[in-house]
Protein backbone atom coordinates (compact mmCIF):
# COMPACT_ATOMS: atom_id res chain seq x y z
CA UNK A 1 83.48 26.57 63.25
CA UNK A 2 81.05 23.90 63.91
CA UNK A 3 77.46 24.49 64.06
CA UNK A 4 75.82 23.77 67.41
CA UNK A 5 73.89 20.62 66.81
CA UNK A 6 74.09 16.70 67.20
CA UNK A 7 72.82 15.07 70.35
CA UNK A 8 76.07 13.84 71.51
CA UNK A 9 77.90 17.16 71.19
CA UNK A 10 76.89 18.61 74.61
CA UNK A 11 77.98 15.47 76.21
CA UNK A 12 81.44 15.62 74.55
CA UNK A 13 81.86 19.37 75.24
CA UNK A 14 81.13 18.87 78.96
CA UNK A 15 83.61 16.23 79.18
CA UNK A 16 86.03 18.46 77.69
CA UNK A 17 85.22 21.32 79.98
CA UNK A 18 85.39 19.00 82.99
CA UNK A 19 89.17 18.74 82.80
CA UNK A 20 90.01 22.14 84.03
CA UNK A 21 86.63 22.87 85.75
CA UNK A 22 86.42 23.56 89.57
CA UNK A 23 82.80 24.25 90.26
CA UNK A 24 79.59 24.96 88.09
CA UNK A 25 76.60 26.74 89.07
CA UNK A 26 74.70 25.06 88.04
CA UNK A 27 75.34 21.74 85.98
CA UNK A 28 71.64 21.23 85.03
CA UNK A 29 71.19 24.64 83.67
CA UNK A 30 74.35 24.22 81.71
CA UNK A 31 73.28 20.90 80.19
CA UNK A 32 69.98 22.64 79.33
CA UNK A 33 71.79 25.49 77.62
CA UNK A 34 73.82 23.22 75.62
CA UNK A 35 71.03 21.04 74.60
CA UNK A 36 68.99 24.05 73.63
CA UNK A 37 70.77 23.92 70.09
CA UNK A 38 71.27 27.82 70.11
CA UNK A 39 74.56 29.70 70.10
CA UNK A 40 75.26 30.82 73.74
CA UNK A 41 76.79 34.12 74.75
CA UNK A 42 79.77 33.57 76.76
CA UNK A 43 80.87 36.51 78.96
CA UNK A 44 84.60 37.19 79.26
CA UNK A 45 85.35 40.47 81.13
CA UNK A 46 88.51 42.24 81.98
CA UNK A 47 89.20 45.62 83.45
CA UNK A 48 91.57 47.48 81.41
CA UNK A 49 94.42 47.56 83.96
CA UNK A 50 98.04 46.30 83.20
CA UNK A 51 97.54 44.01 80.18
CA UNK A 52 99.16 40.88 81.32
CA UNK A 53 97.87 37.44 80.67
CA UNK A 54 99.67 34.14 81.71
CA UNK A 55 98.86 30.41 81.37
CA UNK A 56 96.57 30.49 84.43
CA UNK A 57 94.39 33.03 82.55
CA UNK A 58 94.64 31.03 79.37
CA UNK A 59 92.91 27.92 80.91
CA UNK A 60 89.70 30.26 80.83
CA UNK A 61 90.42 31.22 77.45
CA UNK A 62 90.98 27.66 75.97
CA UNK A 63 87.68 26.65 77.49
CA UNK A 64 85.98 29.48 75.72
CA UNK A 65 87.80 28.50 72.68
CA UNK A 66 86.27 24.99 72.76
CA UNK A 67 82.89 26.41 73.04
CA UNK A 68 83.69 28.74 70.07
CA UNK A 69 84.58 25.69 68.07
CA UNK A 70 80.77 24.47 68.75
CA UNK A 71 79.69 27.65 67.32
CA UNK A 72 79.22 29.64 70.61
CA UNK A 73 80.06 33.27 70.90
CA UNK A 74 82.51 34.93 73.13
CA UNK A 75 81.56 38.38 74.21
CA UNK A 76 84.88 40.17 75.32
CA UNK A 77 83.87 42.74 77.70
CA UNK A 78 86.34 45.54 78.16
CA UNK A 79 85.43 47.16 81.53
CA UNK A 80 86.34 50.71 80.68
CA UNK A 81 84.11 51.93 83.41
CA UNK A 82 84.77 49.33 86.05
CA UNK A 83 88.47 50.04 85.55
CA UNK A 84 88.15 53.59 86.83
CA UNK A 85 86.36 52.03 89.95
CA UNK A 86 89.11 49.30 90.58
CA UNK A 87 88.30 45.52 91.41
CA UNK A 88 88.93 45.20 95.29
CA UNK A 89 89.60 41.44 94.68
CA UNK A 90 92.56 40.49 96.75
CA UNK A 91 93.32 44.18 97.68
CA UNK A 92 93.92 45.69 101.14
CA UNK A 93 93.73 49.13 99.62
CA UNK A 94 92.16 51.01 96.71
CA UNK A 95 93.73 50.71 93.22
CA UNK A 96 94.81 53.67 91.41
CA UNK A 97 92.67 55.23 88.86
CA UNK A 98 93.96 55.13 85.31
CA UNK A 99 93.39 57.79 82.67
CA UNK A 100 91.12 57.13 79.52
CA UNK A 101 94.29 57.02 77.40
CA UNK A 102 95.92 54.30 79.53
CA UNK A 103 92.55 52.41 79.54
CA UNK A 104 92.52 52.50 75.65
CA UNK A 105 95.99 51.36 75.38
CA UNK A 106 95.60 48.55 77.70
CA UNK A 107 92.42 47.38 75.96
CA UNK A 108 94.27 47.07 72.58
CA UNK A 109 97.06 44.96 74.41
CA UNK A 110 94.49 42.79 75.94
CA UNK A 111 92.98 42.34 72.53
CA UNK A 112 96.18 41.24 70.99
CA UNK A 113 96.96 38.86 73.66
CA UNK A 114 93.52 37.01 73.84
CA UNK A 115 93.71 36.42 70.14
CA UNK A 116 96.71 33.98 70.67
CA UNK A 117 94.05 31.66 71.89
CA UNK A 118 90.54 32.89 71.00
CA UNK A 119 89.12 33.03 67.33
CA UNK A 120 88.27 36.49 66.61
CA UNK A 121 85.80 35.79 63.66
CA UNK A 122 82.68 37.90 64.00
CA UNK A 123 80.45 34.92 64.21
CA UNK A 124 82.05 33.58 67.48
CA UNK A 125 83.67 36.90 68.92
CA UNK A 126 82.27 40.17 69.92
CA UNK A 127 83.86 43.13 71.61
CA UNK A 128 81.79 45.36 73.98
CA UNK A 129 82.62 48.04 76.58
CA UNK A 130 80.62 48.55 79.80
CA UNK A 131 80.55 52.39 79.18
CA UNK A 132 77.86 51.35 76.61
CA UNK A 133 75.20 50.93 79.31
CA UNK A 134 76.79 52.68 82.34
CA UNK A 135 77.16 56.14 80.84
CA UNK A 136 73.41 56.20 79.96
CA UNK A 137 72.24 55.10 83.35
CA UNK A 138 70.45 58.02 85.17
CA UNK A 139 70.63 58.49 88.90
CA UNK A 140 67.09 57.10 89.15
CA UNK A 141 68.36 53.99 87.33
CA UNK A 142 71.32 53.65 89.30
CA UNK A 143 69.42 53.99 92.72
CA UNK A 144 66.89 51.20 91.44
CA UNK A 145 69.87 49.11 90.62
CA UNK A 146 71.14 49.37 94.10
CA UNK A 147 67.64 48.55 95.63
CA UNK A 148 68.15 45.01 94.38
CA UNK A 149 71.21 44.39 96.70
CA UNK A 150 71.72 44.75 100.49
CA UNK A 151 74.85 45.71 102.44
CA UNK A 152 74.89 42.44 103.92
CA UNK A 153 75.21 40.83 100.65
CA UNK A 154 78.19 43.04 99.74
CA UNK A 155 79.90 42.87 103.14
CA UNK A 156 79.78 39.11 103.03
CA UNK A 157 82.64 39.12 100.53
CA UNK A 158 85.80 37.83 102.22
CA UNK A 159 88.23 40.65 101.12
CA UNK A 160 85.65 43.24 102.62
CA UNK A 161 85.56 41.17 105.90
CA UNK A 162 89.43 41.10 106.07
CA UNK A 163 89.68 44.85 105.68
CA UNK A 164 87.15 45.54 108.32
CA UNK A 165 88.88 43.18 110.78
CA UNK A 166 92.21 44.85 109.97
CA UNK A 167 90.58 48.46 110.59
CA UNK A 168 91.02 49.42 106.95
CA UNK A 169 88.67 51.59 105.13
CA UNK A 170 86.32 50.54 102.29
CA UNK A 171 85.57 53.16 99.88
CA UNK A 172 81.95 53.36 98.65
CA UNK A 173 82.88 52.83 95.04
CA UNK A 174 84.75 49.62 95.92
CA UNK A 175 81.42 48.41 97.46
CA UNK A 176 79.64 49.10 94.39
CA UNK A 177 82.10 47.37 92.11
CA UNK A 178 80.67 43.88 92.44
CA UNK A 179 77.16 45.52 91.58
CA UNK A 180 78.67 46.91 88.33
CA UNK A 181 80.24 43.65 87.39
CA UNK A 182 76.90 41.79 88.28
CA UNK A 183 74.94 44.32 85.96
CA UNK A 184 77.11 43.71 83.20
CA UNK A 185 76.03 40.13 82.85
CA UNK A 186 72.27 41.44 82.58
CA UNK A 187 73.05 44.16 80.01
CA UNK A 188 75.23 41.84 77.67
CA UNK A 189 72.78 38.87 77.95
CA UNK A 190 75.30 36.57 79.27
CA UNK A 191 74.47 32.97 79.16
CA UNK A 192 77.68 31.58 80.77
CA UNK A 193 80.73 32.97 82.16
CA UNK A 194 84.06 31.25 82.93
CA UNK A 195 86.22 32.76 85.74
CA UNK A 196 88.65 32.12 88.44
CA UNK A 197 87.30 31.15 91.91
CA UNK A 198 88.09 34.57 93.23
CA UNK A 199 85.69 36.18 90.78
CA UNK A 200 82.60 33.72 91.81
CA UNK A 201 81.07 36.41 94.24
CA UNK A 202 80.86 39.11 91.54
CA UNK A 203 79.43 36.57 88.93
CA UNK A 204 76.76 35.28 91.39
CA UNK A 205 75.82 38.75 91.74
CA UNK A 206 75.37 38.79 87.91
CA UNK A 207 72.88 35.63 88.37
CA UNK A 208 71.27 37.72 91.08
CA UNK A 209 70.48 40.90 88.89
CA UNK A 210 69.53 38.74 85.96
CA UNK A 211 66.76 36.98 88.19
CA UNK A 212 65.61 40.23 89.71
CA UNK A 213 65.42 42.17 86.35
CA UNK A 214 63.56 39.13 84.59
CA UNK A 215 66.30 37.49 82.58
CA UNK A 216 67.46 33.83 82.55
CA UNK A 217 70.52 33.69 84.93
CA UNK A 218 73.91 32.98 83.64
CA UNK A 219 75.69 29.73 84.42
CA UNK A 220 79.11 30.26 86.13
CA UNK A 221 81.96 27.96 85.69
CA UNK A 222 84.84 28.42 87.96
CA UNK A 223 88.41 26.95 86.98
CA UNK A 224 91.28 25.29 88.69
CA UNK A 225 94.03 27.43 89.92
CA UNK A 226 97.55 26.19 89.97
CA UNK A 227 100.60 27.56 91.70
CA UNK A 228 103.08 29.68 89.99
CA UNK A 229 106.35 28.31 88.69
CA UNK A 230 107.93 28.73 91.88
CA UNK A 231 105.48 26.19 93.40
CA UNK A 232 104.01 28.57 95.93
CA UNK A 233 101.69 31.54 95.22
CA UNK A 234 99.48 31.73 92.08
CA UNK A 235 101.09 33.44 88.97
CA UNK A 236 101.72 37.06 89.48
CA UNK A 237 103.77 39.58 87.71
CA UNK A 238 104.98 41.19 90.72
CA UNK A 239 106.31 37.95 92.08
CA UNK A 240 107.76 36.97 88.73
CA UNK A 241 106.49 33.24 88.92
CA UNK A 242 104.57 33.24 85.87
CA UNK A 243 104.63 32.02 82.20
CA UNK A 244 103.22 34.95 80.11
CA UNK A 245 101.34 34.42 77.01
CA UNK A 246 103.47 37.08 75.25
CA UNK A 247 106.61 35.16 76.40
CA UNK A 248 108.67 33.87 73.55
CA UNK A 249 108.79 30.16 72.77
CA UNK A 250 112.16 29.91 74.25
CA UNK A 251 111.09 31.69 77.46
CA UNK A 252 108.07 29.53 77.86
CA UNK A 253 109.98 26.41 77.42
CA UNK A 254 112.64 27.48 79.74
CA UNK A 255 110.49 28.44 82.46
CA UNK A 256 108.48 25.18 82.36
CA UNK A 257 111.69 23.23 82.66
CA UNK A 258 112.48 25.02 85.79
CA UNK A 259 109.21 24.22 87.88
CA UNK A 260 109.52 22.08 90.87
CA UNK A 261 108.84 18.55 90.08
CA UNK A 262 105.62 18.35 92.23
CA UNK A 263 103.97 20.76 89.66
CA UNK A 264 104.61 18.62 86.53
CA UNK A 265 101.53 16.37 86.70
CA UNK A 266 99.12 19.18 87.44
CA UNK A 267 100.48 21.66 84.85
CA UNK A 268 100.07 18.72 82.25
CA UNK A 269 96.47 18.26 83.34
CA UNK A 270 95.57 21.92 83.30
CA UNK A 271 97.74 23.52 80.81
CA UNK A 272 97.93 20.85 77.92
CA UNK A 273 95.55 18.43 76.04
CA UNK A 274 97.60 15.56 76.46
CA UNK A 275 95.80 12.33 77.17
CA UNK A 276 95.31 11.68 80.96
CA UNK A 277 97.37 8.65 80.86
CA UNK A 278 100.34 11.03 80.24
CA UNK A 279 99.35 12.89 83.21
CA UNK A 280 99.36 9.71 85.50
CA UNK A 281 102.65 8.63 83.99
CA UNK A 282 104.12 11.87 84.95
CA UNK A 283 102.87 11.64 88.51
CA UNK A 284 104.20 8.16 88.76
CA UNK A 285 107.47 9.57 87.63
CA UNK A 286 107.62 12.26 90.05
CA UNK A 287 107.00 9.64 92.84
CA UNK A 288 109.82 7.61 91.73
CA UNK A 289 112.25 10.43 90.85
CA UNK A 290 115.20 10.03 88.37
CA UNK A 291 115.56 10.87 84.60
CA UNK A 292 111.82 10.17 83.89
CA UNK A 293 110.83 13.32 85.83
CA UNK A 294 113.15 15.53 83.36
CA UNK A 295 111.39 13.58 80.30
CA UNK A 296 107.99 14.63 81.78
CA UNK A 297 109.06 18.07 81.96
CA UNK A 298 110.33 18.01 78.21
CA UNK A 299 107.00 16.70 77.44
CA UNK A 300 105.23 19.35 79.24
CA UNK A 301 107.28 22.29 77.76
CA UNK A 302 106.94 20.79 74.35
CA UNK A 303 103.18 20.44 74.53
CA UNK A 304 102.77 24.12 75.73
CA UNK A 305 104.96 25.62 73.15
CA UNK A 306 103.23 23.47 70.38
CA UNK A 307 99.88 24.83 71.51
CA UNK A 308 100.85 28.57 71.27
CA UNK A 309 103.56 28.43 68.59
CA UNK A 310 103.09 25.17 66.57
CA UNK A 311 104.69 21.92 66.66
CA UNK A 312 107.69 22.68 64.47
CA UNK A 313 108.92 25.52 66.93
CA UNK A 314 108.12 23.41 69.75
CA UNK A 315 110.54 20.66 68.48
CA UNK A 316 113.35 23.36 67.68
CA UNK A 317 113.05 24.69 71.31
CA UNK A 318 113.34 21.18 72.71
CA UNK A 319 116.54 20.54 70.51
CA UNK A 320 117.91 23.93 71.75
CA UNK A 321 117.33 23.21 75.29
CA UNK A 322 118.85 19.92 75.18
CA UNK A 323 121.97 21.19 73.36
CA UNK A 324 122.26 24.18 75.70
CA UNK A 325 121.71 22.62 78.95
CA UNK A 326 121.64 18.91 78.93
CA UNK A 327 125.07 18.80 77.35
CA UNK A 328 126.32 21.23 79.95
CA UNK A 329 127.34 23.77 77.40
CA UNK A 330 126.89 27.54 77.75
CA UNK A 331 124.31 28.60 75.27
CA UNK A 332 125.35 30.85 72.41
CA UNK A 333 122.03 31.56 70.61
CA UNK A 334 120.65 33.88 73.13
CA UNK A 335 119.13 37.39 73.23
CA UNK A 336 121.56 40.33 73.51
CA UNK A 337 121.15 43.28 75.99
CA UNK A 338 122.99 46.59 75.19
CA UNK A 339 124.16 48.57 78.15
CA UNK A 340 125.19 52.25 77.21
CA UNK A 341 127.50 52.46 80.08
CA UNK A 342 130.77 50.84 81.35
CA UNK A 343 129.18 49.90 84.64
CA UNK A 344 125.73 49.10 85.95
CA UNK A 345 123.95 47.84 89.37
CA UNK A 346 123.20 44.26 89.21
CA UNK A 347 119.53 44.92 89.77
CA UNK A 348 119.30 47.38 86.97
CA UNK A 349 121.11 44.97 84.48
CA UNK A 350 118.62 42.18 85.39
CA UNK A 351 115.64 44.66 84.80
CA UNK A 352 117.07 45.86 81.59
CA UNK A 353 117.63 42.16 80.39
CA UNK A 354 113.89 41.29 81.58
CA UNK A 355 111.80 44.34 81.49
CA UNK A 356 108.60 42.35 82.17
CA UNK A 357 109.96 41.51 85.63
CA UNK A 358 108.88 44.01 88.38
CA UNK A 359 111.73 45.49 90.38
CA UNK A 360 110.85 43.63 93.54
CA UNK A 361 110.92 40.28 91.57
CA UNK A 362 114.25 41.29 90.04
CA UNK A 363 115.59 42.06 93.42
CA UNK A 364 114.48 38.72 95.05
CA UNK A 365 116.23 36.85 92.12
CA UNK A 366 119.52 38.59 92.94
CA UNK A 367 119.18 38.20 96.67
CA UNK A 368 118.63 34.50 96.16
CA UNK A 369 121.84 34.10 94.33
CA UNK A 370 119.98 33.44 91.19
CA UNK A 371 122.01 35.76 88.98
CA UNK A 372 125.36 35.15 87.41
CA UNK A 373 127.49 37.49 85.28
CA UNK A 374 130.36 35.85 83.91
CA UNK A 375 131.76 33.40 86.30
CA UNK A 376 130.54 35.15 89.37
CA UNK A 377 127.08 34.66 91.13
CA UNK A 378 125.70 37.86 92.68
CA UNK A 379 123.63 38.31 95.57
CA UNK A 380 123.65 41.98 96.28
CA UNK A 381 121.30 43.95 94.01
CA UNK A 382 123.03 47.21 94.69
CA UNK A 383 126.49 45.94 93.69
CA UNK A 384 127.99 47.51 90.68
CA UNK A 385 129.56 45.64 87.95
CA UNK A 386 131.56 46.78 84.97
CA UNK A 387 132.40 45.48 81.53
CA UNK A 388 135.44 43.65 82.92
CA UNK A 389 133.16 40.97 84.64
CA UNK A 390 132.35 39.11 81.42
CA UNK A 391 129.47 39.39 78.94
CA UNK A 392 127.22 36.32 79.56
CA UNK A 393 124.36 36.85 82.11
CA UNK A 394 122.34 34.17 83.68
CA UNK A 395 119.02 34.88 85.42
CA UNK A 396 117.52 32.02 87.30
CA UNK A 397 118.43 28.60 86.06
CA UNK A 398 117.20 28.83 82.31
CA UNK A 399 117.50 32.58 81.24
CA UNK A 400 120.77 33.63 79.39
CA UNK A 401 121.65 36.89 77.74
CA UNK A 402 124.58 38.20 75.87
CA UNK A 403 125.64 41.52 77.39
CA UNK A 404 127.23 44.17 75.07
CA UNK A 405 128.96 46.79 77.20
CA UNK A 406 129.46 50.17 75.93
CA UNK A 407 133.08 49.81 75.79
CA UNK A 408 132.91 46.99 73.27
CA UNK A 409 130.13 48.18 71.13
CA UNK A 410 130.59 49.56 67.69
CA UNK A 411 128.47 52.09 65.62
CA UNK A 412 124.98 50.96 64.93
CA UNK A 413 124.67 48.19 67.49
CA UNK A 414 120.94 47.32 68.14
CA UNK A 415 119.99 47.72 71.78
CA UNK A 416 118.28 44.30 71.65
CA UNK A 417 118.37 41.26 69.34
CA UNK A 418 117.36 37.68 69.51
């Protein structure tokens, strides 16, 4: 890792961060921090709910990785206490409360996924839990903390206003959630945090508490949010419109080749470090149409896979994709799904092949006629298929599986391979 020094380094670093930055609160403060020459403490907080990170989350992680390369430290905050409260962001009702065992398992999975991007050397990476300070707060401490914020500040949050307008209840612990997240910034001495725009309210409360409690306020950077691979809502596990960090190189490549043409330039800009002239060329190709658009998608998929899995694997996946799809041949080198019965509902077969999909997302794929078994396309999720329909399953445009039905399996067959 580089040491934090050199008069031109802050300028170069700001330029690098600007590519995926939406808003900075505030730029002069950030410039002063970077010019100070001291290692900064960069807050990265997650609640330990379902451990699921996708390319959208990774935009923030890569910005933090760039800061680590300059010697700054990412403080990975596991919100084991705030998880039990539940972040109300984007919710119309309260989140279910997880057990301590579920929180610990999810925390371990989060650490594994962030290590795909972030350096985990102790010099630039630190793990904390907010139970370290919240479990020691007395009732008097908590009341003093609440005295620094008004109900008007909290009810200014958009999702609270929407719930009130819809006549939905807001539990008191949900109103306190932004207070907890804001206090985290003070307790962990945060200099800087990088978040999606939906977390700006909570992190601005962090600045508020730091100022009220006598600390220097953190700088808040919000990042650009792109649509999911369906071109509509942002990436979501429930919608199935995501590229997960845990996806295999082949899954990443195939999903990116399936995105609408209109997303190519934006994805190149936000999810890769390719020169901006490549982004501009891709946008021009989309406007013209034709084969150049496919070439731009190939460049995007190659760059993303190379970023996470290396250049050699990216080239291998490119060759496989061109052989399997551009030559109009059915792929042979695909994962195998073992079915332990002679028949199964279409929906259950899709869920067995892609367990990372929610059942609602899998159902939508079937209803959109995006599932083919053998030579037949299925649109009824509840239809029952049997071993006689064929052994090649296609889900969407780019996902293929070899189905081993119980009737055709021999002893010792693995349930999954790839």
